Amino acid sequence: MLDWSQCPAVERIPGKVSRAWLFKGTRVPVKALFENIAGGATIQEFLEWFSDVTRRQTEAALKYAQQSLEAA
């Protein structure tokens, strides 16, 4: 499991969305990005469906996940 606490694009707030890691300033869980990609969605589709999430946040989360996996 990734330690999302070091990713600047996400946050975890006690009592908000079951303490899931969320894109900052939204109620959109980070895992929604990966679930949608795994289901065949494009980044553009994800951004259209979750309009509160910015492209910058999405790219930061993907980059962080990639770097974390490469370091493992």
PDB file of N, CA and C in Angstrom:
ATOM      1  N   MET A   1       0.840  -1.187   0.000  1.00  0.00           N
ATOM      2  CA  MET A   1       0.000   0.000   0.000  1.00  0.00           C
ATOM      3  C   MET A   1       0.881   1.244   0.000  1.00  0.00           C
ATOM      4  N   LEU A   2       0.518   2.209  -0.801  1.00  0.00           N
ATOM      5  CA  LEU A   2       1.290   3.441  -0.911  1.00  0.00           C
ATOM      6  C   LEU A   2       1.035   4.356   0.280  1.00  0.00           C
ATOM      7  N   ASP A   3       2.071   5.099   0.670  1.00  0.00           N
ATOM      8  CA  ASP A   3       1.950   6.109   1.722  1.00  0.00           C
ATOM      9  C   ASP A   3       1.637   7.442   1.057  1.00  0.00           C
ATOM     10  N   TRP A   4       0.381   7.741   0.920  1.00  0.00           N
ATOM     11  CA  TRP A   4      -0.047   8.945   0.210  1.00  0.00           C
ATOM     12  C   TRP A   4       0.249  10.227   0.972  1.00  0.00           C
ATOM     13  N   SER A   5       0.692  10.132   2.207  1.00  0.00           N
ATOM     14  CA  SER A   5       0.929  11.338   3.008  1.00  0.00           C
ATOM     15  C   SER A   5       1.997  12.248   2.406  1.00  0.00           C
ATOM     16  N   GLN A   6       2.828  11.731   1.516  1.00  0.00           N
ATOM     17  CA  GLN A   6       3.885  12.526   0.898  1.00  0.00           C
ATOM     18  C   GLN A   6       3.491  13.113  -0.456  1.00  0.00           C
ATOM     19  N   CYS A   7       2.287  12.832  -0.897  1.00  0.00           N
ATOM     20  CA  CYS A   7       1.813  13.347  -2.186  1.00  0.00           C
ATOM     21  C   CYS A   7       1.072  14.672  -1.953  1.00  0.00           C
ATOM     22  N   PRO A   8       1.564  15.770  -2.517  1.00  0.00           N
ATOM     23  CA  PRO A   8       0.956  17.078  -2.264  1.00  0.00           C
ATOM     24  C   PRO A   8      -0.439  17.277  -2.861  1.00  0.00           C
ATOM     25  N   ALA A   9      -0.873  16.394  -3.732  1.00  0.00           N
ATOM     26  CA  ALA A   9      -2.165  16.570  -4.406  1.00  0.00           C
ATOM     27  C   ALA A   9      -3.327  15.950  -3.636  1.00  0.00           C
ATOM     28  N   VAL A  10      -3.017  15.254  -2.538  1.00  0.00           N
ATOM     29  CA  VAL A  10      -4.075  14.536  -1.820  1.00  0.00           C
ATOM     30  C   VAL A  10      -4.067  14.888  -0.339  1.00  0.00           C
ATOM     31  N   GLU A  11      -5.171  14.537   0.311  1.00  0.00           N
ATOM     32  CA  GLU A  11      -5.304  14.781   1.747  1.00  0.00           C
ATOM     33  C   GLU A  11      -6.217  13.738   2.365  1.00  0.00           C
ATOM     34  N   ARG A  12      -6.075  13.585   3.658  1.00  0.00           N
ATOM     35  CA  ARG A  12      -6.962  12.701   4.425  1.00  0.00           C
ATOM     36  C   ARG A  12      -7.478  13.537   5.591  1.00  0.00           C
ATOM     37  N   ILE A  13      -8.788  13.617   5.695  1.00  0.00           N
ATOM     38  CA  ILE A  13      -9.407  14.423   6.739  1.00  0.00           C
ATOM     39  C   ILE A  13     -10.288  13.521   7.596  1.00  0.00           C
ATOM     40  N   PRO A  14     -10.005  13.442   8.910  1.00  0.00           N
ATOM     41  CA  PRO A  14     -10.835  12.608   9.780  1.00  0.00           C
ATOM     42  C   PRO A  14     -12.315  12.979   9.653  1.00  0.00           C
ATOM     43  N   GLY A  15     -13.148  11.976   9.525  1.00  0.00           N
ATOM     44  CA  GLY A  15     -14.580  12.179   9.436  1.00  0.00           C
ATOM     45  C   GLY A  15     -15.086  12.513   8.042  1.00  0.00           C
ATOM     46  N   LYS A  16     -14.193  12.594   7.066  1.00  0.00           N
ATOM     47  CA  LYS A  16     -14.597  12.932   5.696  1.00  0.00           C
ATOM     48  C   LYS A  16     -14.362  11.725   4.799  1.00  0.00           C
ATOM     49  N   VAL A  17     -15.399  11.220   4.188  1.00  0.00           N
ATOM     50  CA  VAL A  17     -15.358  10.096   3.251  1.00  0.00           C
ATOM     51  C   VAL A  17     -14.584   8.921   3.851  1.00  0.00           C
ATOM     52  N   SER A  18     -14.960   8.539   5.039  1.00  0.00           N
ATOM     53  CA  SER A  18     -14.397   7.354   5.711  1.00  0.00           C
ATOM     54  C   SER A  18     -12.872   7.379   5.786  1.00  0.00           C
ATOM     55  N   ARG A  19     -12.300   8.549   5.979  1.00  0.00           N
ATOM     56  CA  ARG A  19     -10.839   8.719   6.102  1.00  0.00           C
ATOM     57  C   ARG A  19     -10.070   8.249   4.872  1.00  0.00           C
ATOM     58  N   ALA A  20     -10.722   8.201   3.738  1.00  0.00           N
ATOM     59  CA  ALA A  20     -10.041   7.824   2.488  1.00  0.00           C
ATOM     60  C   ALA A  20      -9.124   8.964   2.059  1.00  0.00           C
ATOM     61  N   TRP A  21      -8.095   8.627   1.296  1.00  0.00           N
ATOM     62  CA  TRP A  21      -7.253   9.659   0.693  1.00  0.00           C
ATOM     63  C   TRP A  21      -8.051  10.294  -0.437  1.00  0.00           C
ATOM     64  N   LEU A  22      -8.160  11.617  -0.382  1.00  0.00           N
ATOM     65  CA  LEU A  22      -8.960  12.378  -1.343  1.00  0.00           C
ATOM     66  C   LEU A  22      -8.082  13.346  -2.116  1.00  0.00           C
ATOM     67  N   PHE A  23      -8.515  13.688  -3.315  1.00  0.00           N
ATOM     68  CA  PHE A  23      -7.863  14.784  -4.007  1.00  0.00           C
ATOM     69  C   PHE A  23      -8.165  16.050  -3.206  1.00  0.00           C
ATOM     70  N   LYS A  24      -7.138  16.850  -2.931  1.00  0.00           N
ATOM     71  CA  LYS A  24      -7.291  18.044  -2.091  1.00  0.00           C
ATOM     72  C   LYS A  24      -8.434  18.926  -2.560  1.00  0.00           C
ATOM     73  N   GLY A  25      -9.228  19.350  -1.577  1.00  0.00           N
ATOM     74  CA  GLY A  25     -10.331  20.257  -1.852  1.00  0.00           C
ATOM     75  C   GLY A  25     -11.547  19.607  -2.482  1.00  0.00           C
ATOM     76  N   THR A  26     -11.552  18.259  -2.539  1.00  0.00           N
ATOM     77  CA  THR A  26     -12.681  17.540  -3.142  1.00  0.00           C
ATOM     78  C   THR A  26     -13.146  16.445  -2.193  1.00  0.00           C
ATOM     79  N   ARG A  27     -14.174  15.750  -2.599  1.00  0.00           N
ATOM     80  CA  ARG A  27     -14.612  14.549  -1.899  1.00  0.00           C
ATOM     81  C   ARG A  27     -14.354  13.312  -2.773  1.00  0.00           C
ATOM     82  N   VAL A  28     -13.463  13.446  -3.734  1.00  0.00           N
ATOM     83  CA  VAL A  28     -13.173  12.374  -4.685  1.00  0.00           C
ATOM     84  C   VAL A  28     -11.995  11.546  -4.170  1.00  0.00           C
ATOM     85  N   PRO A  29     -12.229  10.270  -3.871  1.00  0.00           N
ATOM     86  CA  PRO A  29     -11.140   9.413  -3.401  1.00  0.00           C
ATOM     87  C   PRO A  29     -10.107   9.169  -4.499  1.00  0.00           C
ATOM     88  N   VAL A  30      -8.848   9.121  -4.099  1.00  0.00           N
ATOM     89  CA  VAL A  30      -7.763   8.847  -5.040  1.00  0.00           C
ATOM     90  C   VAL A  30      -7.981   7.491  -5.706  1.00  0.00           C
ATOM     91  N   LYS A  31      -8.505   6.543  -4.954  1.00  0.00           N
ATOM     92  CA  LYS A  31      -8.705   5.209  -5.523  1.00  0.00           C
ATOM     93  C   LYS A  31      -9.686   5.234  -6.692  1.00  0.00           C
ATOM     94  N   ALA A  32     -10.557   6.249  -6.762  1.00  0.00           N
ATOM     95  CA  ALA A  32     -11.487   6.361  -7.897  1.00  0.00           C
ATOM     96  C   ALA A  32     -10.719   6.535  -9.205  1.00  0.00           C
ATOM     97  N   LEU A  33      -9.603   7.254  -9.153  1.00  0.00           N
ATOM     98  CA  LEU A  33      -8.779   7.427 -10.353  1.00  0.00           C
ATOM     99  C   LEU A  33      -8.272   6.075 -10.851  1.00  0.00           C
ATOM    100  N   PHE A  34      -7.702   5.302  -9.947  1.00  0.00           N
ATOM    101  CA  PHE A  34      -7.112   4.031 -10.339  1.00  0.00           C
ATOM    102  C   PHE A  34      -8.173   2.999 -10.722  1.00  0.00           C
ATOM    103  N   GLU A  35      -9.304   3.027 -10.051  1.00  0.00           N
ATOM    104  CA  GLU A  35     -10.399   2.108 -10.417  1.00  0.00           C
ATOM    105  C   GLU A  35     -10.929   2.422 -11.811  1.00  0.00           C
ATOM    106  N   ASN A  36     -11.064   3.695 -12.114  1.00  0.00           N
ATOM    107  CA  ASN A  36     -11.564   4.078 -13.437  1.00  0.00           C
ATOM    108  C   ASN A  36     -10.561   3.754 -14.536  1.00  0.00           C
ATOM    109  N   ILE A  37      -9.294   3.998 -14.284  1.00  0.00           N
ATOM    110  CA  ILE A  37      -8.263   3.653 -15.271  1.00  0.00           C
ATOM    111  C   ILE A  37      -8.237   2.143 -15.487  1.00  0.00           C
ATOM    112  N   ALA A  38      -8.299   1.394 -14.397  1.00  0.00           N
ATOM    113  CA  ALA A  38      -8.307  -0.077 -14.506  1.00  0.00           C
ATOM    114  C   ALA A  38      -9.531  -0.555 -15.283  1.00  0.00           C
ATOM    115  N   GLY A  39     -10.617   0.189 -15.196  1.00  0.00           N
ATOM    116  CA  GLY A  39     -11.837  -0.157 -15.918  1.00  0.00           C
ATOM    117  C   GLY A  39     -11.844   0.291 -17.373  1.00  0.00           C
ATOM    118  N   GLY A  40     -10.756   0.930 -17.806  1.00  0.00           N
ATOM    119  CA  GLY A  40     -10.656   1.323 -19.210  1.00  0.00           C
ATOM    120  C   GLY A  40     -10.870   2.794 -19.500  1.00  0.00           C
ATOM    121  N   ALA A  41     -11.116   3.596 -18.481  1.00  0.00           N
ATOM    122  CA  ALA A  41     -11.336   5.031 -18.694  1.00  0.00           C
ATOM    123  C   ALA A  41     -10.027   5.738 -19.011  1.00  0.00           C
ATOM    124  N   THR A  42     -10.136   6.807 -19.738  1.00  0.00           N
ATOM    125  CA  THR A  42      -8.971   7.658 -20.000  1.00  0.00           C
ATOM    126  C   THR A  42      -8.892   8.715 -18.895  1.00  0.00           C
ATOM    127  N   ILE A  43      -7.748   9.382 -18.828  1.00  0.00           N
ATOM    128  CA  ILE A  43      -7.599  10.473 -17.870  1.00  0.00           C
ATOM    129  C   ILE A  43      -8.614  11.564 -18.189  1.00  0.00           C
ATOM    130  N   GLN A  44      -8.794  11.861 -19.460  1.00  0.00           N
ATOM    131  CA  GLN A  44      -9.756  12.902 -19.856  1.00  0.00           C
ATOM    132  C   GLN A  44     -11.173  12.545 -19.402  1.00  0.00           C
ATOM    133  N   GLU A  45     -11.561  11.299 -19.570  1.00  0.00           N
ATOM    134  CA  GLU A  45     -12.896  10.878 -19.108  1.00  0.00           C
ATOM    135  C   GLU A  45     -13.010  11.040 -17.596  1.00  0.00           C
ATOM    136  N   PHE A  46     -11.980  10.615 -16.863  1.00  0.00           N
ATOM    137  CA  PHE A  46     -12.003  10.761 -15.411  1.00  0.00           C
ATOM    138  C   PHE A  46     -12.194  12.226 -15.029  1.00  0.00           C
ATOM    139  N   LEU A  47     -11.466  13.120 -15.676  1.00  0.00           N
ATOM    140  CA  LEU A  47     -11.574  14.547 -15.373  1.00  0.00           C
ATOM    141  C   LEU A  47     -12.955  15.098 -15.709  1.00  0.00           C
ATOM    142  N   GLU A  48     -13.577  14.572 -16.744  1.00  0.00           N
ATOM    143  CA  GLU A  48     -14.937  14.996 -17.093  1.00  0.00           C
ATOM    144  C   GLU A  48     -15.938  14.492 -16.062  1.00  0.00           C
ATOM    145  N   TRP A  49     -15.766  13.261 -15.607  1.00  0.00           N
ATOM    146  CA  TRP A  49     -16.696  12.670 -14.644  1.00  0.00           C
ATOM    147  C   TRP A  49     -16.522  13.251 -13.242  1.00  0.00           C
ATOM    148  N   PHE A  50     -15.298  13.628 -12.900  1.00  0.00           N
ATOM    149  CA  PHE A  50     -14.990  14.171 -11.577  1.00  0.00           C
ATOM    150  C   PHE A  50     -14.410  15.569 -11.760  1.00  0.00           C
ATOM    151  N   SER A  51     -15.266  16.501 -12.104  1.00  0.00           N
ATOM    152  CA  SER A  51     -14.835  17.836 -12.515  1.00  0.00           C
ATOM    153  C   SER A  51     -14.170  18.652 -11.408  1.00  0.00           C
ATOM    154  N   ASP A  52     -14.302  18.230 -10.154  1.00  0.00           N
ATOM    155  CA  ASP A  52     -13.625  18.940  -9.065  1.00  0.00           C
ATOM    156  C   ASP A  52     -12.130  18.636  -9.029  1.00  0.00           C
ATOM    157  N   VAL A  53     -11.719  17.557  -9.656  1.00  0.00           N
ATOM    158  CA  VAL A  53     -10.315  17.156  -9.683  1.00  0.00           C
ATOM    159  C   VAL A  53      -9.639  17.818 -10.868  1.00  0.00           C
ATOM    160  N   THR A  54      -8.453  18.376 -10.644  1.00  0.00           N
ATOM    161  CA  THR A  54      -7.729  19.035 -11.721  1.00  0.00           C
ATOM    162  C   THR A  54      -6.775  18.058 -12.419  1.00  0.00           C
ATOM    163  N   ARG A  55      -6.401  18.413 -13.619  1.00  0.00           N
ATOM    164  CA  ARG A  55      -5.420  17.608 -14.346  1.00  0.00           C
ATOM    165  C   ARG A  55      -4.103  17.562 -13.558  1.00  0.00           C
ATOM    166  N   ARG A  56      -3.721  18.677 -12.982  1.00  0.00           N
ATOM    167  CA  ARG A  56      -2.484  18.738 -12.193  1.00  0.00           C
ATOM    168  C   ARG A  56      -2.531  17.750 -11.028  1.00  0.00           C
ATOM    169  N   GLN A  57      -3.654  17.680 -10.329  1.00  0.00           N
ATOM    170  CA  GLN A  57      -3.801  16.729  -9.219  1.00  0.00           C
ATOM    171  C   GLN A  57      -3.700  15.289  -9.723  1.00  0.00           C
ATOM    172  N   THR A  58      -4.369  15.025 -10.837  1.00  0.00           N
ATOM    173  CA  THR A  58      -4.357  13.684 -11.413  1.00  0.00           C
ATOM    174  C   THR A  58      -2.945  13.275 -11.801  1.00  0.00           C
ATOM    175  N   GLU A  59      -2.242  14.168 -12.472  1.00  0.00           N
ATOM    176  CA  GLU A  59      -0.878  13.876 -12.892  1.00  0.00           C
ATOM    177  C   GLU A  59       0.048  13.695 -11.692  1.00  0.00           C
ATOM    178  N   ALA A  60      -0.145  14.498 -10.651  1.00  0.00           N
ATOM    179  CA  ALA A  60       0.683  14.373  -9.450  1.00  0.00           C
ATOM    180  C   ALA A  60       0.457  13.025  -8.766  1.00  0.00           C
ATOM    181  N   ALA A  61      -0.794  12.588  -8.698  1.00  0.00           N
ATOM    182  CA  ALA A  61      -1.102  11.297  -8.071  1.00  0.00           C
ATOM    183  C   ALA A  61      -0.505  10.147  -8.879  1.00  0.00           C
ATOM    184  N   LEU A  62      -0.621  10.219 -10.186  1.00  0.00           N
ATOM    185  CA  LEU A  62      -0.052   9.166 -11.034  1.00  0.00           C
ATOM    186  C   LEU A  62       1.468   9.136 -10.927  1.00  0.00           C
ATOM    187  N   LYS A  63       2.084  10.296 -10.931  1.00  0.00           N
ATOM    188  CA  LYS A  63       3.541  10.378 -10.817  1.00  0.00           C
ATOM    189  C   LYS A  63       3.998   9.842  -9.465  1.00  0.00           C
ATOM    190  N   TYR A  64       3.290  10.228  -8.403  1.00  0.00           N
ATOM    191  CA  TYR A  64       3.651   9.757  -7.066  1.00  0.00           C
ATOM    192  C   TYR A  64       3.538   8.234  -6.977  1.00  0.00           C
ATOM    193  N   ALA A  65       2.466   7.685  -7.495  1.00  0.00           N
ATOM    194  CA  ALA A  65       2.277   6.233  -7.479  1.00  0.00           C
ATOM    195  C   ALA A  65       3.387   5.543  -8.258  1.00  0.00           C
ATOM    196  N   GLN A  66       3.731   6.071  -9.420  1.00  0.00           N
ATOM    197  CA  GLN A  66       4.785   5.485 -10.241  1.00  0.00           C
ATOM    198  C   GLN A  66       6.125   5.514  -9.506  1.00  0.00           C
ATOM    199  N   GLN A  67       6.485   6.666  -8.942  1.00  0.00           N
ATOM    200  CA  GLN A  67       7.753   6.780  -8.236  1.00  0.00           C
ATOM    201  C   GLN A  67       7.801   5.857  -7.017  1.00  0.00           C
ATOM    202  N   SER A  68       6.689   5.740  -6.311  1.00  0.00           N
ATOM    203  CA  SER A  68       6.641   4.870  -5.132  1.00  0.00           C
ATOM    204  C   SER A  68       6.809   3.417  -5.512  1.00  0.00           C
ATOM    205  N   LEU A  69       6.183   3.014  -6.610  1.00  0.00           N
ATOM    206  CA  LEU A  69       6.291   1.628  -7.058  1.00  0.00           C
ATOM    207  C   LEU A  69       7.686   1.312  -7.578  1.00  0.00           C
ATOM    208  N   GLU A  70       8.303   2.277  -8.247  1.00  0.00           N
ATOM    209  CA  GLU A  70       9.663   2.069  -8.746  1.00  0.00           C
ATOM    210  C   GLU A  70      10.676   1.964  -7.602  1.00  0.00           C
ATOM    211  N   ALA A  71      10.400   2.653  -6.504  1.00  0.00           N
ATOM    212  CA  ALA A  71      11.310   2.634  -5.354  1.00  0.00           C
ATOM    213  C   ALA A  71      11.159   1.362  -4.522  1.00  0.00           C
ATOM    214  N   ALA A  72      10.057   0.672  -4.711  1.00  0.00           N
ATOM    215  CA  ALA A  72       9.788  -0.535  -3.896  1.00  0.00           C
ATOM    216  C   ALA A  72      10.618  -1.715  -4.336  1.00  0.00           C
TER     217      ALA A  72
END
